Amino acid sequence: MGRTVEVVVGVVGRAHGIRGELGIDVRTDEPEVRFRAGTRLHAEGEPHRSWQIAGSRWHGEKLLVRLTEVSDRTGAEALRGVRLATSVPAGASPEDEDAYYDHQLVGLRVLDHDRRGVGRITEVQHGRGQDLLVIELDDADPAAEPRLVPFVAALVPAVDLAAGTVQLADLPGLLADQEE
């Protein structure tokens, strides 16, 4: 079997109802694949702690999931905060050509609009509205906070996995504080 990497696909939120449904904070662009009935997910970093998806449905903007091993609200509440993950082949990419797994982005060299290296991506944070690239700048004071850049095409117009780079748009203040 080839090498695999762990990919977080969601975080368990509040229980929904009394029959063990879980509200999921989705962390994947492929929820219809990752939360399909019969799919097995595990707790991040704990592959021995796993559950099988019994079914899923959308309730407004929230994904509700039933697990075969959870049958009541108490069991669902016990899982609150668990980061659900799956293993994918190391060379795999999401089906959408503009989507990336976190592990593909972390470590990439960050280029400014003139293609000068300015830092590295150290993390991808998943927010409700959009993902944020956490960028550690090369010339930053060691005590300086990393920069957060929304991972949208208008601000990050180019991702080149083969070259190991992402390029940022020409936008004043994207990586530096603006004077008042």
N, C-alpha and C. Protein backbone atom coordinates (compact mmCIF):
# COMPACT_ATOMS: atom_id res chain seq x y z
N MET A 1 0.85 -1.18 0.00
CA MET A 1 0.00 0.00 0.00
C MET A 1 0.89 1.23 0.00
N GLY A 2 0.56 2.26 -0.81
CA GLY A 2 1.34 3.48 -0.89
C GLY A 2 1.18 4.36 0.33
N ARG A 3 2.02 5.36 0.38
CA ARG A 3 1.98 6.30 1.50
C ARG A 3 0.69 7.11 1.47
N THR A 4 0.13 7.36 2.65
CA THR A 4 -1.09 8.17 2.76
C THR A 4 -0.83 9.33 3.70
N VAL A 5 -1.70 10.34 3.60
CA VAL A 5 -1.66 11.47 4.52
C VAL A 5 -3.06 11.62 5.12
N GLU A 6 -3.08 12.16 6.32
CA GLU A 6 -4.33 12.38 7.03
C GLU A 6 -4.89 13.75 6.62
N VAL A 7 -6.18 13.78 6.29
CA VAL A 7 -6.84 15.02 5.89
C VAL A 7 -8.06 15.23 6.79
N VAL A 8 -8.10 16.39 7.46
CA VAL A 8 -9.25 16.72 8.30
C VAL A 8 -10.40 17.15 7.38
N VAL A 9 -11.57 16.53 7.59
CA VAL A 9 -12.72 16.82 6.73
C VAL A 9 -13.85 17.54 7.46
N GLY A 10 -13.77 17.59 8.79
CA GLY A 10 -14.81 18.27 9.55
C GLY A 10 -14.53 18.25 11.03
N VAL A 11 -15.24 19.10 11.76
CA VAL A 11 -15.15 19.16 13.21
C VAL A 11 -16.56 18.98 13.75
N VAL A 12 -16.70 18.08 14.72
CA VAL A 12 -18.02 17.80 15.29
C VAL A 12 -18.45 18.99 16.15
N GLY A 13 -19.66 19.46 15.87
CA GLY A 13 -20.24 20.56 16.64
C GLY A 13 -21.31 20.03 17.57
N ARG A 14 -22.37 20.79 17.72
CA ARG A 14 -23.45 20.44 18.63
C ARG A 14 -24.26 19.26 18.13
N ALA A 15 -24.82 18.54 19.08
CA ALA A 15 -25.75 17.46 18.75
C ALA A 15 -27.03 18.09 18.19
N HIS A 16 -27.71 17.36 17.31
CA HIS A 16 -28.96 17.83 16.73
C HIS A 16 -30.02 16.78 17.02
N GLY A 17 -31.00 17.16 17.81
CA GLY A 17 -32.07 16.22 18.14
C GLY A 17 -31.64 15.21 19.18
N ILE A 18 -32.47 14.17 19.33
CA ILE A 18 -32.22 13.18 20.38
C ILE A 18 -31.72 11.84 19.85
N ARG A 19 -31.60 11.71 18.53
CA ARG A 19 -31.23 10.42 17.95
C ARG A 19 -29.76 10.33 17.55
N GLY A 20 -28.94 11.26 18.04
CA GLY A 20 -27.51 11.15 17.82
C GLY A 20 -26.95 11.83 16.59
N GLU A 21 -27.74 12.67 15.92
CA GLU A 21 -27.19 13.40 14.77
C GLU A 21 -26.18 14.43 15.25
N LEU A 22 -25.13 14.59 14.46
CA LEU A 22 -24.06 15.53 14.78
C LEU A 22 -24.06 16.68 13.80
N GLY A 23 -23.95 17.90 14.30
CA GLY A 23 -23.71 19.05 13.43
C GLY A 23 -22.22 19.06 13.10
N ILE A 24 -21.89 19.25 11.85
CA ILE A 24 -20.49 19.19 11.41
C ILE A 24 -20.06 20.53 10.83
N ASP A 25 -18.93 21.03 11.30
CA ASP A 25 -18.28 22.19 10.69
C ASP A 25 -17.41 21.61 9.59
N VAL A 26 -17.89 21.69 8.36
CA VAL A 26 -17.25 21.05 7.21
C VAL A 26 -15.91 21.71 6.90
N ARG A 27 -14.88 20.89 6.68
CA ARG A 27 -13.54 21.37 6.34
C ARG A 27 -13.05 20.75 5.04
N THR A 28 -13.97 20.41 4.16
CA THR A 28 -13.61 19.81 2.89
C THR A 28 -14.45 20.42 1.79
N ASP A 29 -13.89 20.46 0.60
CA ASP A 29 -14.64 20.92 -0.57
C ASP A 29 -15.46 19.78 -1.17
N GLU A 30 -15.33 18.59 -0.58
CA GLU A 30 -16.01 17.41 -1.10
C GLU A 30 -16.88 16.73 -0.05
N PRO A 31 -17.81 17.47 0.59
CA PRO A 31 -18.61 16.84 1.65
C PRO A 31 -19.46 15.67 1.14
N GLU A 32 -19.90 15.72 -0.11
CA GLU A 32 -20.72 14.64 -0.65
C GLU A 32 -19.92 13.35 -0.78
N VAL A 33 -18.60 13.44 -0.89
CA VAL A 33 -17.73 12.27 -0.95
C VAL A 33 -17.32 11.84 0.45
N ARG A 34 -16.88 12.77 1.26
CA ARG A 34 -16.31 12.45 2.58
C ARG A 34 -17.35 12.01 3.60
N PHE A 35 -18.62 12.46 3.44
CA PHE A 35 -19.67 12.12 4.41
C PHE A 35 -20.74 11.23 3.80
N ARG A 36 -20.37 10.45 2.80
CA ARG A 36 -21.27 9.51 2.15
C ARG A 36 -21.50 8.31 3.08
N ALA A 37 -22.73 7.80 3.08
CA ALA A 37 -23.05 6.62 3.89
C ALA A 37 -22.07 5.50 3.58
N GLY A 38 -21.58 4.86 4.63
CA GLY A 38 -20.63 3.76 4.47
C GLY A 38 -19.18 4.18 4.63
N THR A 39 -18.91 5.48 4.50
CA THR A 39 -17.54 5.99 4.64
C THR A 39 -17.12 5.90 6.10
N ARG A 40 -15.85 5.59 6.30
CA ARG A 40 -15.31 5.51 7.65
C ARG A 40 -14.40 6.71 7.88
N LEU A 41 -14.59 7.41 9.01
CA LEU A 41 -13.76 8.53 9.42
C LEU A 41 -13.17 8.22 10.78
N HIS A 42 -12.06 8.88 11.09
CA HIS A 42 -11.43 8.68 12.39
C HIS A 42 -11.11 10.02 13.04
N ALA A 43 -10.82 9.98 14.33
CA ALA A 43 -10.40 11.18 15.05
C ALA A 43 -8.99 11.53 14.58
N GLU A 44 -8.75 12.81 14.32
CA GLU A 44 -7.44 13.24 13.85
C GLU A 44 -6.35 12.71 14.77
N GLY A 45 -5.35 12.07 14.19
CA GLY A 45 -4.23 11.54 14.95
C GLY A 45 -4.54 10.26 15.72
N GLU A 46 -5.77 9.77 15.60
CA GLU A 46 -6.18 8.55 16.33
C GLU A 46 -6.93 7.62 15.40
N PRO A 47 -6.24 6.99 14.44
CA PRO A 47 -6.94 6.15 13.47
C PRO A 47 -7.69 4.97 14.08
N HIS A 48 -7.32 4.55 15.29
CA HIS A 48 -8.02 3.45 15.97
C HIS A 48 -9.39 3.89 16.49
N ARG A 49 -9.61 5.19 16.62
CA ARG A 49 -10.89 5.74 17.10
C ARG A 49 -11.67 6.19 15.87
N SER A 50 -12.53 5.30 15.35
CA SER A 50 -13.19 5.60 14.08
C SER A 50 -14.69 5.30 14.13
N TRP A 51 -15.38 5.88 13.15
CA TRP A 51 -16.83 5.75 13.06
C TRP A 51 -17.23 5.60 11.59
N GLN A 52 -18.34 4.91 11.37
CA GLN A 52 -18.87 4.76 10.02
C GLN A 52 -20.06 5.69 9.84
N ILE A 53 -20.09 6.38 8.71
CA ILE A 53 -21.21 7.28 8.39
C ILE A 53 -22.44 6.44 8.05
N ALA A 54 -23.53 6.66 8.79
CA ALA A 54 -24.80 5.99 8.51
C ALA A 54 -25.60 6.80 7.50
N GLY A 55 -25.41 8.12 7.51
CA GLY A 55 -26.12 9.00 6.59
C GLY A 55 -25.80 10.44 6.90
N SER A 56 -26.11 11.31 5.95
CA SER A 56 -25.89 12.74 6.17
C SER A 56 -26.93 13.52 5.39
N ARG A 57 -27.18 14.74 5.84
CA ARG A 57 -28.14 15.62 5.17
C ARG A 57 -27.82 17.06 5.52
N TRP A 58 -28.21 17.95 4.66
CA TRP A 58 -28.02 19.38 4.91
C TRP A 58 -29.25 19.91 5.63
N HIS A 59 -29.02 20.70 6.64
CA HIS A 59 -30.08 21.38 7.40
C HIS A 59 -29.71 22.86 7.34
N GLY A 60 -30.25 23.55 6.33
CA GLY A 60 -29.81 24.93 6.08
C GLY A 60 -28.38 24.89 5.59
N GLU A 61 -27.50 25.59 6.28
CA GLU A 61 -26.08 25.60 5.89
C GLU A 61 -25.24 24.65 6.73
N LYS A 62 -25.87 23.89 7.59
CA LYS A 62 -25.15 22.97 8.48
C LYS A 62 -25.34 21.54 7.98
N LEU A 63 -24.24 20.79 7.94
CA LEU A 63 -24.30 19.38 7.60
C LEU A 63 -24.58 18.58 8.86
N LEU A 64 -25.59 17.74 8.79
CA LEU A 64 -25.92 16.85 9.90
C LEU A 64 -25.53 15.43 9.50
N VAL A 65 -24.85 14.74 10.40
CA VAL A 65 -24.34 13.40 10.11
C VAL A 65 -24.79 12.44 11.20
N ARG A 66 -25.15 11.23 10.75
CA ARG A 66 -25.46 10.13 11.67
C ARG A 66 -24.33 9.12 11.57
N LEU A 67 -23.85 8.64 12.70
CA LEU A 67 -22.81 7.62 12.75
C LEU A 67 -23.43 6.31 13.23
N THR A 68 -23.02 5.20 12.66
CA THR A 68 -23.61 3.92 13.07
C THR A 68 -23.36 3.62 14.54
N GLU A 69 -22.27 4.13 15.08
CA GLU A 69 -21.91 3.84 16.48
C GLU A 69 -22.54 4.81 17.49
N VAL A 70 -23.27 5.81 17.03
CA VAL A 70 -23.86 6.81 17.93
C VAL A 70 -25.38 6.82 17.73
N SER A 71 -26.11 6.52 18.81
CA SER A 71 -27.57 6.40 18.65
C SER A 71 -28.38 7.39 19.47
N ASP A 72 -27.70 8.21 20.29
CA ASP A 72 -28.47 9.15 21.11
C ASP A 72 -27.71 10.47 21.29
N ARG A 73 -28.40 11.42 21.85
CA ARG A 73 -27.84 12.76 22.05
C ARG A 73 -26.60 12.74 22.95
N THR A 74 -26.61 11.90 23.97
CA THR A 74 -25.48 11.81 24.89
C THR A 74 -24.22 11.38 24.14
N GLY A 75 -24.34 10.37 23.30
CA GLY A 75 -23.21 9.90 22.50
C GLY A 75 -22.73 10.97 21.54
N ALA A 76 -23.67 11.72 20.96
CA ALA A 76 -23.31 12.78 20.02
C ALA A 76 -22.59 13.91 20.75
N GLU A 77 -23.09 14.30 21.91
CA GLU A 77 -22.45 15.38 22.68
C GLU A 77 -21.04 15.00 23.12
N ALA A 78 -20.80 13.71 23.36
CA ALA A 78 -19.47 13.25 23.79
C ALA A 78 -18.42 13.46 22.69
N LEU A 79 -18.87 13.58 21.45
CA LEU A 79 -17.93 13.75 20.33
C LEU A 79 -17.68 15.21 19.97
N ARG A 80 -18.36 16.12 20.63
CA ARG A 80 -18.22 17.54 20.30
C ARG A 80 -16.74 17.96 20.35
N GLY A 81 -16.31 18.64 19.28
CA GLY A 81 -14.93 19.12 19.20
C GLY A 81 -13.97 18.15 18.52
N VAL A 82 -14.40 16.92 18.27
CA VAL A 82 -13.53 15.95 17.61
C VAL A 82 -13.30 16.38 16.16
N ARG A 83 -12.04 16.38 15.75
CA ARG A 83 -11.67 16.70 14.37
C ARG A 83 -11.70 15.39 13.58
N LEU A 84 -12.65 15.28 12.65
CA LEU A 84 -12.81 14.07 11.86
C LEU A 84 -11.85 14.09 10.67
N ALA A 85 -11.20 12.95 10.45
CA ALA A 85 -10.20 12.87 9.40
C ALA A 85 -10.37 11.60 8.59
N THR A 86 -9.71 11.59 7.45
CA THR A 86 -9.62 10.41 6.61
C THR A 86 -8.21 10.34 6.06
N SER A 87 -7.84 9.21 5.53
CA SER A 87 -6.52 9.06 4.92
C SER A 87 -6.69 9.05 3.41
N VAL A 88 -5.83 9.80 2.72
CA VAL A 88 -5.85 9.85 1.26
C VAL A 88 -4.45 9.54 0.76
N PRO A 89 -4.33 9.02 -0.46
CA PRO A 89 -3.00 8.79 -1.03
C PRO A 89 -2.20 10.09 -1.04
N ALA A 90 -0.93 10.02 -0.71
CA ALA A 90 -0.08 11.21 -0.58
C ALA A 90 -0.09 12.08 -1.84
N GLY A 91 -0.19 11.49 -3.00
CA GLY A 91 -0.16 12.27 -4.24
C GLY A 91 -1.52 12.72 -4.73
N ALA A 92 -2.57 12.41 -4.00
CA ALA A 92 -3.93 12.74 -4.43
C ALA A 92 -4.21 14.23 -4.29
N SER A 93 -5.12 14.72 -5.13
CA SER A 93 -5.60 16.09 -5.07
C SER A 93 -7.12 16.07 -5.09
N PRO A 94 -7.76 17.10 -4.54
CA PRO A 94 -9.22 17.17 -4.63
C PRO A 94 -9.66 17.22 -6.10
N GLU A 95 -10.90 16.81 -6.36
CA GLU A 95 -11.41 16.79 -7.72
C GLU A 95 -11.44 18.17 -8.36
N ASP A 96 -11.78 19.20 -7.60
CA ASP A 96 -11.83 20.57 -8.11
C ASP A 96 -10.40 21.06 -8.34
N GLU A 97 -10.11 21.51 -9.54
CA GLU A 97 -8.74 21.93 -9.88
C GLU A 97 -8.27 23.15 -9.09
N ASP A 98 -9.18 23.90 -8.50
CA ASP A 98 -8.81 25.07 -7.69
C ASP A 98 -8.85 24.78 -6.20
N ALA A 99 -8.89 23.52 -5.83
CA ALA A 99 -8.93 23.14 -4.41
C ALA A 99 -7.64 22.39 -4.07
N TYR A 100 -7.23 22.51 -2.81
CA TYR A 100 -6.00 21.88 -2.36
C TYR A 100 -6.19 21.33 -0.96
N TYR A 101 -5.48 20.26 -0.67
CA TYR A 101 -5.43 19.77 0.69
C TYR A 101 -4.45 20.65 1.45
N ASP A 102 -4.68 20.82 2.75
CA ASP A 102 -3.80 21.65 3.58
C ASP A 102 -2.34 21.24 3.44
N HIS A 103 -2.08 19.92 3.46
CA HIS A 103 -0.70 19.45 3.42
C HIS A 103 0.00 19.83 2.10
N GLN A 104 -0.78 20.11 1.06
CA GLN A 104 -0.18 20.54 -0.21
C GLN A 104 0.28 21.99 -0.14
N LEU A 105 -0.37 22.79 0.70
CA LEU A 105 -0.07 24.22 0.78
C LEU A 105 0.97 24.55 1.85
N VAL A 106 0.92 23.84 2.97
CA VAL A 106 1.86 24.13 4.06
C VAL A 106 3.28 23.85 3.58
N GLY A 107 4.13 24.85 3.78
CA GLY A 107 5.53 24.74 3.36
C GLY A 107 5.83 25.41 2.03
N LEU A 108 4.78 25.78 1.28
CA LEU A 108 5.02 26.43 -0.01
C LEU A 108 5.66 27.79 0.19
N ARG A 109 6.53 28.16 -0.72
CA ARG A 109 7.20 29.46 -0.74
C ARG A 109 6.19 30.49 -1.20
N VAL A 110 6.14 31.63 -0.53
CA VAL A 110 5.22 32.71 -0.88
C VAL A 110 5.99 33.76 -1.68
N LEU A 111 5.46 34.09 -2.86
CA LEU A 111 6.06 35.10 -3.72
C LEU A 111 5.17 36.33 -3.74
N ASP A 112 5.80 37.51 -3.76
CA ASP A 112 5.00 38.72 -3.91
C ASP A 112 4.63 38.89 -5.39
N HIS A 113 3.97 39.98 -5.73
CA HIS A 113 3.50 40.17 -7.10
C HIS A 113 4.64 40.29 -8.10
N ASP A 114 5.85 40.62 -7.65
CA ASP A 114 7.04 40.69 -8.53
C ASP A 114 7.81 39.37 -8.54
N ARG A 115 7.23 38.33 -7.94
CA ARG A 115 7.81 36.99 -7.87
C ARG A 115 9.06 36.91 -6.99
N ARG A 116 9.15 37.82 -6.01
CA ARG A 116 10.23 37.76 -5.02
C ARG A 116 9.74 36.94 -3.84
N GLY A 117 10.59 36.04 -3.35
CA GLY A 117 10.22 35.24 -2.18
C GLY A 117 10.10 36.11 -0.94
N VAL A 118 9.00 35.97 -0.21
CA VAL A 118 8.78 36.78 0.98
C VAL A 118 8.49 35.97 2.24
N GLY A 119 8.23 34.68 2.08
CA GLY A 119 7.93 33.88 3.26
C GLY A 119 7.47 32.48 2.90
N ARG A 120 6.87 31.81 3.90
CA ARG A 120 6.36 30.44 3.72
C ARG A 120 5.00 30.30 4.39
N ILE A 121 4.18 29.43 3.83
CA ILE A 121 2.90 29.09 4.45
C ILE A 121 3.18 28.10 5.57
N THR A 122 2.73 28.42 6.77
CA THR A 122 2.95 27.53 7.92
C THR A 122 1.70 26.79 8.35
N GLU A 123 0.54 27.25 7.88
CA GLU A 123 -0.72 26.64 8.32
C GLU A 123 -1.84 27.15 7.41
N VAL A 124 -2.91 26.40 7.36
CA VAL A 124 -4.14 26.85 6.72
C VAL A 124 -5.21 26.83 7.80
N GLN A 125 -5.83 28.00 8.03
CA GLN A 125 -6.91 28.09 9.02
C GLN A 125 -8.23 28.10 8.26
N HIS A 126 -9.17 27.33 8.76
CA HIS A 126 -10.48 27.22 8.12
C HIS A 126 -11.49 28.03 8.89
N GLY A 127 -11.97 29.11 8.27
CA GLY A 127 -13.00 29.92 8.90
C GLY A 127 -14.35 29.60 8.32
N ARG A 128 -15.37 30.21 8.85
CA ARG A 128 -16.72 29.97 8.34
C ARG A 128 -16.89 30.44 6.91
N GLY A 129 -16.35 31.62 6.60
CA GLY A 129 -16.55 32.17 5.26
C GLY A 129 -15.46 31.81 4.27
N GLN A 130 -14.24 31.64 4.75
CA GLN A 130 -13.13 31.38 3.84
C GLN A 130 -11.95 30.81 4.61
N ASP A 131 -11.02 30.25 3.84
CA ASP A 131 -9.80 29.74 4.44
C ASP A 131 -8.76 30.85 4.47
N LEU A 132 -7.87 30.79 5.45
CA LEU A 132 -6.79 31.77 5.58
C LEU A 132 -5.45 31.06 5.52
N LEU A 133 -4.54 31.62 4.72
CA LEU A 133 -3.17 31.13 4.70
C LEU A 133 -2.40 31.85 5.80
N VAL A 134 -1.72 31.11 6.65
CA VAL A 134 -0.88 31.69 7.68
C VAL A 134 0.53 31.75 7.09
N ILE A 135 1.04 32.98 6.96
CA ILE A 135 2.33 33.19 6.30
C ILE A 135 3.33 33.76 7.28
N GLU A 136 4.44 33.06 7.40
CA GLU A 136 5.55 33.55 8.20
C GLU A 136 6.51 34.25 7.25
N LEU A 137 6.72 35.55 7.48
CA LEU A 137 7.57 36.34 6.59
C LEU A 137 9.04 36.10 6.87
N ASP A 138 9.85 36.12 5.81
CA ASP A 138 11.29 35.89 5.93
C ASP A 138 11.97 36.93 6.80
N ASP A 139 11.63 38.20 6.58
CA ASP A 139 12.35 39.29 7.25
C ASP A 139 11.62 39.83 8.48
N ALA A 140 10.67 39.08 9.00
CA ALA A 140 9.88 39.56 10.14
C ALA A 140 10.66 39.40 11.44
N ASP A 141 10.40 40.27 12.36
CA ASP A 141 10.92 40.16 13.73
C ASP A 141 10.44 38.81 14.27
N PRO A 142 11.31 38.06 14.94
CA PRO A 142 10.90 36.74 15.46
C PRO A 142 9.66 36.80 16.34
N ALA A 143 9.41 37.93 16.98
CA ALA A 143 8.23 38.07 17.84
C ALA A 143 6.99 38.51 17.06
N ALA A 144 7.18 38.84 15.77
CA ALA A 144 6.05 39.33 14.96
C ALA A 144 5.04 38.21 14.71
N GLU A 145 3.80 38.62 14.65
CA GLU A 145 2.73 37.68 14.34
C GLU A 145 2.80 37.32 12.85
N PRO A 146 2.48 36.07 12.51
CA PRO A 146 2.42 35.73 11.09
C PRO A 146 1.27 36.50 10.43
N ARG A 147 1.32 36.62 9.13
CA ARG A 147 0.28 37.30 8.37
C ARG A 147 -0.78 36.30 7.95
N LEU A 148 -2.03 36.74 7.97
CA LEU A 148 -3.16 35.93 7.53
C LEU A 148 -3.66 36.49 6.21
N VAL A 149 -3.68 35.67 5.19
CA VAL A 149 -4.13 36.10 3.87
C VAL A 149 -5.30 35.21 3.45
N PRO A 150 -6.46 35.81 3.18
CA PRO A 150 -7.58 35.01 2.70
C PRO A 150 -7.19 34.25 1.43
N PHE A 151 -7.51 32.96 1.41
CA PHE A 151 -7.15 32.12 0.27
C PHE A 151 -8.24 32.20 -0.78
N VAL A 152 -8.23 33.32 -1.50
CA VAL A 152 -9.18 33.57 -2.59
C VAL A 152 -8.37 33.98 -3.81
N ALA A 153 -8.89 33.71 -5.00
CA ALA A 153 -8.16 33.96 -6.24
C ALA A 153 -7.75 35.42 -6.41
N ALA A 154 -8.54 36.35 -5.90
CA ALA A 154 -8.21 37.77 -6.05
C ALA A 154 -6.93 38.14 -5.29
N LEU A 155 -6.62 37.41 -4.21
CA LEU A 155 -5.44 37.71 -3.40
C LEU A 155 -4.31 36.72 -3.63
N VAL A 156 -4.65 35.52 -4.02
CA VAL A 156 -3.66 34.47 -4.30
C VAL A 156 -3.97 33.93 -5.70
N PRO A 157 -3.52 34.68 -6.73
CA PRO A 157 -3.89 34.33 -8.10
C PRO A 157 -3.19 33.10 -8.66
N ALA A 158 -2.08 32.66 -8.07
CA ALA A 158 -1.35 31.52 -8.64
C ALA A 158 -0.83 30.59 -7.56
N VAL A 159 -1.13 29.31 -7.75
CA VAL A 159 -0.58 28.25 -6.91
C VAL A 159 0.12 27.28 -7.86
N ASP A 160 1.41 27.04 -7.63
CA ASP A 160 2.18 26.14 -8.48
C ASP A 160 2.80 25.08 -7.58
N LEU A 161 2.09 23.96 -7.43
CA LEU A 161 2.57 22.90 -6.55
C LEU A 161 3.90 22.33 -7.03
N ALA A 162 4.05 22.19 -8.35
CA ALA A 162 5.29 21.63 -8.90
C ALA A 162 6.49 22.50 -8.55
N ALA A 163 6.31 23.83 -8.60
CA ALA A 163 7.39 24.76 -8.27
C ALA A 163 7.48 25.01 -6.77
N GLY A 164 6.45 24.62 -6.04
CA GLY A 164 6.43 24.82 -4.59
C GLY A 164 6.18 26.25 -4.18
N THR A 165 5.34 26.97 -4.97
CA THR A 165 5.11 28.39 -4.69
C THR A 165 3.64 28.77 -4.78
N VAL A 166 3.32 29.87 -4.10
CA VAL A 166 2.06 30.59 -4.30
C VAL A 166 2.44 32.04 -4.54
N GLN A 167 1.71 32.69 -5.41
CA GLN A 167 1.99 34.10 -5.69
C GLN A 167 0.84 34.95 -5.19
N LEU A 168 1.20 36.07 -4.57
CA LEU A 168 0.20 36.99 -4.04
C LEU A 168 -0.06 38.11 -5.02
N ALA A 169 -1.24 38.71 -4.90
CA ALA A 169 -1.63 39.84 -5.74
C ALA A 169 -0.91 41.11 -5.29
N ASP A 170 -0.89 42.10 -6.15
CA ASP A 170 -0.30 43.40 -5.84
C ASP A 170 -1.34 44.22 -5.09
N LEU A 171 -1.32 44.09 -3.76
CA LEU A 171 -2.29 44.78 -2.93
C LEU A 171 -1.57 45.38 -1.73
N PRO A 172 -1.49 46.70 -1.65
CA PRO A 172 -0.80 47.33 -0.51
C PRO A 172 -1.40 46.86 0.82
N GLY A 173 -0.52 46.57 1.76
CA GLY A 173 -0.97 46.18 3.09
C GLY A 173 -1.24 44.70 3.26
N LEU A 174 -1.13 43.93 2.19
CA LEU A 174 -1.42 42.51 2.29
C LEU A 174 -0.45 41.81 3.26
N LEU A 175 0.81 42.22 3.20
CA LEU A 175 1.81 41.61 4.07
C LEU A 175 2.46 42.60 5.04
N ALA A 176 2.14 43.89 4.90
CA ALA A 176 2.75 44.90 5.76
C ALA A 176 1.66 45.80 6.34
N ASP A 177 1.92 46.32 7.54
CA ASP A 177 0.99 47.26 8.14
C ASP A 177 1.02 48.56 7.38
N GLN A 178 -0.13 49.14 7.18
CA GLN A 178 -0.22 50.43 6.51
C GLN A 178 -0.17 51.55 7.55
N GLU A 179 0.49 52.62 7.20
CA GLU A 179 0.52 53.78 8.10
C GLU A 179 -0.85 54.41 8.14
N GLU A 180 -1.22 54.94 9.29
CA GLU A 180 -2.53 55.61 9.43
C GLU A 180 -2.56 56.88 8.63
